[in-house]
Amino acid sequence: MKEVTVKVQGDLVVPQATLGEAGLSGRLRLIVQPGEIRILPEPTSDAEEVVQELAGCLGREPATAYDFHFKLGSLYEAR
């Protein structure tokens, strides 16, 4: 844990290096309460989680190696 004391005379700027030490990057969420400001990573949406889970799954294998359980109704239709 690292504690930093500053005298604020205007805007408070948190250096990127300090955020990096805390493991904070990308989009952040600020929670402002009396006497406290919390900086948290923005929670990922469900779609982002799915993309992260699927990242690289079609690496070197051909797409035909995967069974997506589609039923073909005709030449141009997948159900």
C-alpha atoms as a PDB file:
ATOM      1  CA  MET A   1       0.000   0.000   0.000  1.00  0.00           C
ATOM      2  CA  LYS A   2       1.275   3.428  -0.939  1.00  0.00           C
ATOM      3  CA  GLU A   3      -0.094   6.565   0.697  1.00  0.00           C
ATOM      4  CA  VAL A   4       0.297   9.943  -0.999  1.00  0.00           C
ATOM      5  CA  THR A   5      -0.616  13.225   0.682  1.00  0.00           C
ATOM      6  CA  VAL A   6      -1.215  16.268  -1.511  1.00  0.00           C
ATOM      7  CA  LYS A   7      -2.564  19.770  -0.998  1.00  0.00           C
ATOM      8  CA  VAL A   8      -5.219  20.389  -3.611  1.00  0.00           C
ATOM      9  CA  GLN A   9      -5.444  23.895  -5.057  1.00  0.00           C
ATOM     10  CA  GLY A  10      -7.619  23.324  -8.086  1.00  0.00           C
ATOM     11  CA  ASP A  11      -8.024  20.076 -10.007  1.00  0.00           C
ATOM     12  CA  LEU A  12      -6.622  16.842  -8.639  1.00  0.00           C
ATOM     13  CA  VAL A  13      -4.595  14.931 -11.228  1.00  0.00           C
ATOM     14  CA  VAL A  14      -3.683  11.283 -10.686  1.00  0.00           C
ATOM     15  CA  PRO A  15      -0.686  10.278 -12.835  1.00  0.00           C
ATOM     16  CA  GLN A  16      -1.103   7.287 -15.161  1.00  0.00           C
ATOM     17  CA  ALA A  17       1.829   5.585 -13.408  1.00  0.00           C
ATOM     18  CA  THR A  18      -0.028   5.749 -10.082  1.00  0.00           C
ATOM     19  CA  LEU A  19      -3.145   4.244 -11.645  1.00  0.00           C
ATOM     20  CA  GLY A  20      -0.974   1.537 -13.196  1.00  0.00           C
ATOM     21  CA  GLU A  21       0.532   0.648  -9.813  1.00  0.00           C
ATOM     22  CA  ALA A  22      -3.018   0.117  -8.553  1.00  0.00           C
ATOM     23  CA  GLY A  23      -3.844  -2.112 -11.535  1.00  0.00           C
ATOM     24  CA  LEU A  24      -6.257   0.448 -12.967  1.00  0.00           C
ATOM     25  CA  SER A  25      -6.330   1.021 -16.714  1.00  0.00           C
ATOM     26  CA  GLY A  26      -8.858   1.514 -19.482  1.00  0.00           C
ATOM     27  CA  ARG A  27     -12.290   2.785 -18.529  1.00  0.00           C
ATOM     28  CA  LEU A  28     -12.680   3.666 -14.851  1.00  0.00           C
ATOM     29  CA  ARG A  29     -15.625   4.300 -12.556  1.00  0.00           C
ATOM     30  CA  LEU A  30     -15.600   7.025  -9.875  1.00  0.00           C
ATOM     31  CA  ILE A  31     -17.747   6.686  -6.765  1.00  0.00           C
ATOM     32  CA  VAL A  32     -18.066  10.005  -4.939  1.00  0.00           C
ATOM     33  CA  GLN A  33     -19.324  10.040  -1.352  1.00  0.00           C
ATOM     34  CA  PRO A  34     -18.883  12.632   1.404  1.00  0.00           C
ATOM     35  CA  GLY A  35     -15.212  12.517   2.421  1.00  0.00           C
ATOM     36  CA  GLU A  36     -14.330   9.750  -0.040  1.00  0.00           C
ATOM     37  CA  ILE A  37     -13.668   9.226  -3.735  1.00  0.00           C
ATOM     38  CA  ARG A  38     -13.153   5.669  -4.962  1.00  0.00           C
ATOM     39  CA  ILE A  39     -11.640   4.823  -8.350  1.00  0.00           C
ATOM     40  CA  LEU A  40     -12.623   1.391  -9.644  1.00  0.00           C
ATOM     41  CA  PRO A  41     -12.301  -0.415 -12.962  1.00  0.00           C
ATOM     42  CA  GLU A  42     -15.483  -0.231 -14.990  1.00  0.00           C
ATOM     43  CA  PRO A  43     -17.188  -3.631 -14.915  1.00  0.00           C
ATOM     44  CA  THR A  44     -17.164  -5.393 -18.265  1.00  0.00           C
ATOM     45  CA  SER A  45     -20.432  -5.955 -20.030  1.00  0.00           C
ATOM     46  CA  ASP A  46     -21.649  -9.446 -20.799  1.00  0.00           C
ATOM     47  CA  ALA A  47     -20.746  -9.008 -24.471  1.00  0.00           C
ATOM     48  CA  GLU A  48     -17.172  -8.046 -23.580  1.00  0.00           C
ATOM     49  CA  GLU A  49     -16.843 -11.117 -21.338  1.00  0.00           C
ATOM     50  CA  VAL A  50     -18.007 -13.374 -24.158  1.00  0.00           C
ATOM     51  CA  VAL A  51     -15.507 -11.819 -26.568  1.00  0.00           C
ATOM     52  CA  GLN A  52     -12.698 -12.332 -24.034  1.00  0.00           C
ATOM     53  CA  GLU A  53     -13.701 -15.977 -23.553  1.00  0.00           C
ATOM     54  CA  LEU A  54     -13.752 -16.566 -27.306  1.00  0.00           C
ATOM     55  CA  ALA A  55     -10.515 -14.666 -27.998  1.00  0.00           C
ATOM     56  CA  GLY A  56      -8.198 -16.951 -29.903  1.00  0.00           C
ATOM     57  CA  CYS A  57     -10.579 -19.907 -30.132  1.00  0.00           C
ATOM     58  CA  LEU A  58     -10.365 -19.771 -33.922  1.00  0.00           C
ATOM     59  CA  GLY A  59      -6.580 -19.511 -33.781  1.00  0.00           C
ATOM     60  CA  ARG A  60      -4.994 -21.994 -36.167  1.00  0.00           C
ATOM     61  CA  GLU A  61      -7.906 -24.346 -36.601  1.00  0.00           C
ATOM     62  CA  PRO A  62     -10.175 -23.911 -39.615  1.00  0.00           C
ATOM     63  CA  ALA A  63     -13.661 -22.611 -38.840  1.00  0.00           C
ATOM     64  CA  THR A  64     -15.067 -25.938 -40.060  1.00  0.00           C
ATOM     65  CA  ALA A  65     -13.463 -27.635 -37.024  1.00  0.00           C
ATOM     66  CA  TYR A  66     -16.121 -26.052 -34.811  1.00  0.00           C
ATOM     67  CA  ASP A  67     -19.687 -27.288 -34.480  1.00  0.00           C
ATOM     68  CA  PHE A  68     -21.954 -24.324 -33.755  1.00  0.00           C
ATOM     69  CA  HIS A  69     -25.056 -26.586 -33.739  1.00  0.00           C
ATOM     70  CA  PHE A  70     -26.655 -24.820 -36.691  1.00  0.00           C
ATOM     71  CA  LYS A  71     -29.355 -26.646 -38.613  1.00  0.00           C
ATOM     72  CA  LEU A  72     -29.341 -25.898 -42.308  1.00  0.00           C
ATOM     73  CA  GLY A  73     -32.805 -25.368 -43.771  1.00  0.00           C
ATOM     74  CA  SER A  74     -31.618 -24.528 -47.265  1.00  0.00           C
ATOM     75  CA  LEU A  75     -28.467 -23.352 -49.011  1.00  0.00           C
ATOM     76  CA  TYR A  76     -28.611 -19.833 -47.503  1.00  0.00           C
ATOM     77  CA  GLU A  77     -30.453 -20.472 -44.248  1.00  0.00           C
ATOM     78  CA  ALA A  78     -29.098 -21.469 -40.859  1.00  0.00           C
ATOM     79  CA  ARG A  79     -31.461 -21.998 -37.944  1.00  0.00           C
END
